[in-house]
Amino acid sequence: RGQRAHVGNVLSSDIFYNADPEANARWQKMGILAVEMESAGLFANAAAARVDALGIFTVSDDLLKHTATTAQQRQTAFTRMIEIALELV
């Protein structure tokens, strides 16, 4: 589909915008590519059920550069992500 992809570790945390200004930089030094808030439950349930799980994410905000995509860019990126996910199942 011509989409750029990165494979690696993603932090699932209920603290998306950390008050500690150095927190994200420390995660980055540990090889964390992104922070998200929903997949911990998915992976915990998959482990309990002994089934495979996969997280596919699109980036909407850069917490280190303090940039964000527009609503239109997010919609387009999320639509492409969903299309890729549907092809996998």
C-alpha atoms as a PDB file:
ATOM      1  CA  ARG A   1       0.000   0.000   0.000  1.00  0.00           C
ATOM      2  CA  GLY A   2       3.031   2.289  -0.006  1.00  0.00           C
ATOM      3  CA  GLN A   3       2.670   3.246   3.668  1.00  0.00           C
ATOM      4  CA  ARG A   4       5.759   3.762   5.788  1.00  0.00           C
ATOM      5  CA  ALA A   5       5.803   1.388   8.752  1.00  0.00           C
ATOM      6  CA  HIS A   6       7.913   1.069  11.891  1.00  0.00           C
ATOM      7  CA  VAL A   7       8.085  -2.122  13.932  1.00  0.00           C
ATOM      8  CA  GLY A   8       9.006  -1.912  17.595  1.00  0.00           C
ATOM      9  CA  ASN A   9       7.954  -1.395  21.168  1.00  0.00           C
ATOM     10  CA  VAL A  10       4.995   0.803  22.048  1.00  0.00           C
ATOM     11  CA  LEU A  11       4.226   1.914  25.601  1.00  0.00           C
ATOM     12  CA  SER A  12       0.629   1.348  26.653  1.00  0.00           C
ATOM     13  CA  SER A  13      -0.050   3.765  29.485  1.00  0.00           C
ATOM     14  CA  ASP A  14      -2.953   5.591  31.050  1.00  0.00           C
ATOM     15  CA  ILE A  15      -0.671   8.635  31.271  1.00  0.00           C
ATOM     16  CA  PHE A  16      -0.559   9.920  27.699  1.00  0.00           C
ATOM     17  CA  TYR A  17       0.510  13.486  28.509  1.00  0.00           C
ATOM     18  CA  ASN A  18       2.988  13.048  31.361  1.00  0.00           C
ATOM     19  CA  ALA A  19       3.601  16.028  33.652  1.00  0.00           C
ATOM     20  CA  ASP A  20       7.285  15.046  33.763  1.00  0.00           C
ATOM     21  CA  PRO A  21       8.802  16.848  30.754  1.00  0.00           C
ATOM     22  CA  GLU A  22      11.643  14.294  30.515  1.00  0.00           C
ATOM     23  CA  ALA A  23       9.490  11.138  30.692  1.00  0.00           C
ATOM     24  CA  ASN A  24       9.028  10.672  26.934  1.00  0.00           C
ATOM     25  CA  ALA A  25      12.711  11.260  26.242  1.00  0.00           C
ATOM     26  CA  ARG A  26      13.572   8.534  28.774  1.00  0.00           C
ATOM     27  CA  TRP A  27      11.134   6.116  27.109  1.00  0.00           C
ATOM     28  CA  GLN A  28      12.672   6.977  23.745  1.00  0.00           C
ATOM     29  CA  LYS A  29      16.153   6.092  25.066  1.00  0.00           C
ATOM     30  CA  MET A  30      14.756   2.646  25.942  1.00  0.00           C
ATOM     31  CA  GLY A  31      13.618   2.123  22.341  1.00  0.00           C
ATOM     32  CA  ILE A  32       9.947   2.980  22.825  1.00  0.00           C
ATOM     33  CA  LEU A  33       8.578   4.236  19.499  1.00  0.00           C
ATOM     34  CA  ALA A  34       5.215   5.576  20.686  1.00  0.00           C
ATOM     35  CA  VAL A  35       2.742   5.893  23.543  1.00  0.00           C
ATOM     36  CA  GLU A  36      -0.860   4.756  23.344  1.00  0.00           C
ATOM     37  CA  MET A  37      -3.621   4.079  25.843  1.00  0.00           C
ATOM     38  CA  GLU A  38      -5.728   1.125  24.729  1.00  0.00           C
ATOM     39  CA  SER A  39      -3.782  -1.989  23.779  1.00  0.00           C
ATOM     40  CA  ALA A  40      -2.696  -3.188  27.242  1.00  0.00           C
ATOM     41  CA  GLY A  41      -6.149  -4.711  27.765  1.00  0.00           C
ATOM     42  CA  LEU A  42      -6.072  -6.305  24.317  1.00  0.00           C
ATOM     43  CA  PHE A  43      -2.733  -7.989  24.941  1.00  0.00           C
ATOM     44  CA  ALA A  44      -3.639  -9.050  28.497  1.00  0.00           C
ATOM     45  CA  ASN A  45      -6.824 -10.718  27.273  1.00  0.00           C
ATOM     46  CA  ALA A  46      -5.009 -12.342  24.369  1.00  0.00           C
ATOM     47  CA  ALA A  47      -2.384 -13.740  26.747  1.00  0.00           C
ATOM     48  CA  ALA A  48      -5.079 -15.079  29.082  1.00  0.00           C
ATOM     49  CA  ALA A  49      -6.879 -16.712  26.154  1.00  0.00           C
ATOM     50  CA  ARG A  50      -3.591 -17.980  24.688  1.00  0.00           C
ATOM     51  CA  VAL A  51      -4.233 -16.359  21.320  1.00  0.00           C
ATOM     52  CA  ASP A  52      -2.186 -13.992  19.170  1.00  0.00           C
ATOM     53  CA  ALA A  53      -2.781 -10.255  19.157  1.00  0.00           C
ATOM     54  CA  LEU A  54      -1.416  -7.423  17.064  1.00  0.00           C
ATOM     55  CA  GLY A  55      -1.443  -3.683  17.557  1.00  0.00           C
ATOM     56  CA  ILE A  56      -1.436  -1.387  14.539  1.00  0.00           C
ATOM     57  CA  PHE A  57      -1.177   2.324  15.241  1.00  0.00           C
ATOM     58  CA  THR A  58      -1.065   5.584  13.369  1.00  0.00           C
ATOM     59  CA  VAL A  59       0.814   8.549  14.767  1.00  0.00           C
ATOM     60  CA  SER A  60      -1.243  11.650  15.394  1.00  0.00           C
ATOM     61  CA  ASP A  61       0.937  13.662  17.801  1.00  0.00           C
ATOM     62  CA  ASP A  62       4.698  13.891  18.268  1.00  0.00           C
ATOM     63  CA  LEU A  63       5.176  14.401  21.996  1.00  0.00           C
ATOM     64  CA  LEU A  64       8.873  15.225  21.644  1.00  0.00           C
ATOM     65  CA  LYS A  65       8.532  17.704  18.768  1.00  0.00           C
ATOM     66  CA  HIS A  66       5.183  19.018  20.053  1.00  0.00           C
ATOM     67  CA  THR A  67       3.484  18.655  16.677  1.00  0.00           C
ATOM     68  CA  ALA A  68       0.103  17.219  15.755  1.00  0.00           C
ATOM     69  CA  THR A  69      -1.700  16.213  12.597  1.00  0.00           C
ATOM     70  CA  THR A  70      -4.793  17.984  11.373  1.00  0.00           C
ATOM     71  CA  ALA A  71      -8.218  16.382  11.651  1.00  0.00           C
ATOM     72  CA  GLN A  72      -8.125  15.603   7.915  1.00  0.00           C
ATOM     73  CA  GLN A  73      -4.656  14.023   8.155  1.00  0.00           C
ATOM     74  CA  ARG A  74      -5.796  11.865  11.094  1.00  0.00           C
ATOM     75  CA  GLN A  75      -8.906  10.731   9.251  1.00  0.00           C
ATOM     76  CA  THR A  76      -6.892   9.771   6.171  1.00  0.00           C
ATOM     77  CA  ALA A  77      -4.208   7.967   8.185  1.00  0.00           C
ATOM     78  CA  PHE A  78      -6.740   6.094  10.332  1.00  0.00           C
ATOM     79  CA  THR A  79      -8.685   5.018   7.242  1.00  0.00           C
ATOM     80  CA  ARG A  80      -5.503   3.647   5.670  1.00  0.00           C
ATOM     81  CA  MET A  81      -4.615   1.839   8.913  1.00  0.00           C
ATOM     82  CA  ILE A  82      -8.064   0.218   9.053  1.00  0.00           C
ATOM     83  CA  GLU A  83      -7.794  -0.884   5.425  1.00  0.00           C
ATOM     84  CA  ILE A  84      -4.423  -2.513   6.151  1.00  0.00           C
ATOM     85  CA  ALA A  85      -5.789  -4.213   9.280  1.00  0.00           C
ATOM     86  CA  LEU A  86      -8.792  -5.566   7.381  1.00  0.00           C
ATOM     87  CA  GLU A  87      -6.487  -7.073   4.770  1.00  0.00           C
ATOM     88  CA  LEU A  88      -4.640  -8.922   7.547  1.00  0.00           C
ATOM     89  CA  VAL A  89      -7.760 -10.629   8.850  1.00  0.00           C
END
